[in-house]
Amino acid sequence: MASPPPFGPDDLYVAYYASAEMGCHLALGWPLPAHVLDLFTEFRTFSNGRDDQLGLKGASLLAALAFFGLSHLDPDVKSHWRERVIAGPPYDDQDRVGILDYCASDVFALQGLLPRLVDQLGGRPLWLDHALLRGRYMRAVARMEYTGVPVDKPLFERMATHWGQIKSTLIDEIRQEYPFYEGTTFKQAKFAAWLGEKGIAWPRTESGHLLLTEDTFKKQALTYPILGPVREVQNNLAKLRITDMAIGADGRNRTLLSPFRARTGRNQPAASRFIFAPSVWLRRLIKPEPGRALAYIDFTSQEIGIAAALSGDQAMMQAYQSGACSSEDILYRRLRTGFTDQSLTR
């Protein structure tokens, strides 16, 4: 096995999407570098929320290089060598040279990209400190992706085998009261007729069709509680493509966490492949190995606390510190208007 690079405590590791390199370090048993500057996270910091304004399509290395007018490997050539690596060995001499040149092209590209991003971001207060913190997080992401989440694999396989039957059972439980399913198919025309019978107004698309997004069902169910069971079933059916769940031979769920992909800076893993993305009840599949335990820890009202601190909004800060708020925007609006019934926070 190759020896690890001789990184010291004062060295800076510059990468683009550093969790990939960090994952390689972990797989090879190498220590992780102390300081990581990830130009992907910094390009996201520069462009986040302005993609359309800047004419960007994504945040890939090629997109970043193209934006700054820097030369880069032809996309078709890059795609060819990426696919060749994924295909696996055996590799002949031509493959080895091509793959190494492909990898080296990304390294050389960062030599030009780094000063461009420093020019754009270096003037921000404490930028480098924040950038190194983001790099530290990318190291943590690599550990999360490498370790995975332990899952009850036999139970998962049973559920996957009988998933069609499970879907039918979910619908059967509400079919009599909500008669707009045929088999496991949701019929829009029947749903529209049912809404009319119940006197429920429903938003529509520009083309006149019912708007059936998850967010629409969520908002409508708040106004019309009778829709709660329908929302739950639709949410389960939409999110649970259980056969796509990435469960390895060792019974661990591993998938790309896609850090900083959301505009809020959150991870954005593929919902169909990540155990925490679908309906909450599916998390019951999470199961530690014998002799081990798992702690499920989360923050309360984290978004509101951060927003209050960044905005300096005293009313928001008081609501957060009192514990009388949740992360639901609707509750915060009610708090701001003086509607502070404590039952709303339960």
Foldseek 3Di string as FASTA:
>chain_A
DDDDPPADQPDEAEEALCLVVLLVCVVVVHDDHPFYQHVLLLVCVLCQPPCVVLVFDDRDLVRLCVSVVHDADDPVLLVVLVVVVVVPDDDDPVNVVSNVVSVVRRVVSVVVNVVVSCVRQVPDPPSSVVSRVVRVVSSVLSVCQNVFFAFQVVVLVVCLVCVLVVLQVLCVVCCVVQVQDDSNDGHQVSNVVVCVVVVQDFDDDPVGGGDDDLVRLVVSCVVPVVSVSVSVSVQQVVQAPSVQAQADPNRGQHDRQQALPDSVRHTDTDSHHHQPRGDPVSCVRGDDDPPDDDDDDDDWLVVLCVCCVVVVPPLSNVCVVVLQDGVDPVRVVCSVVVNRDSVVND
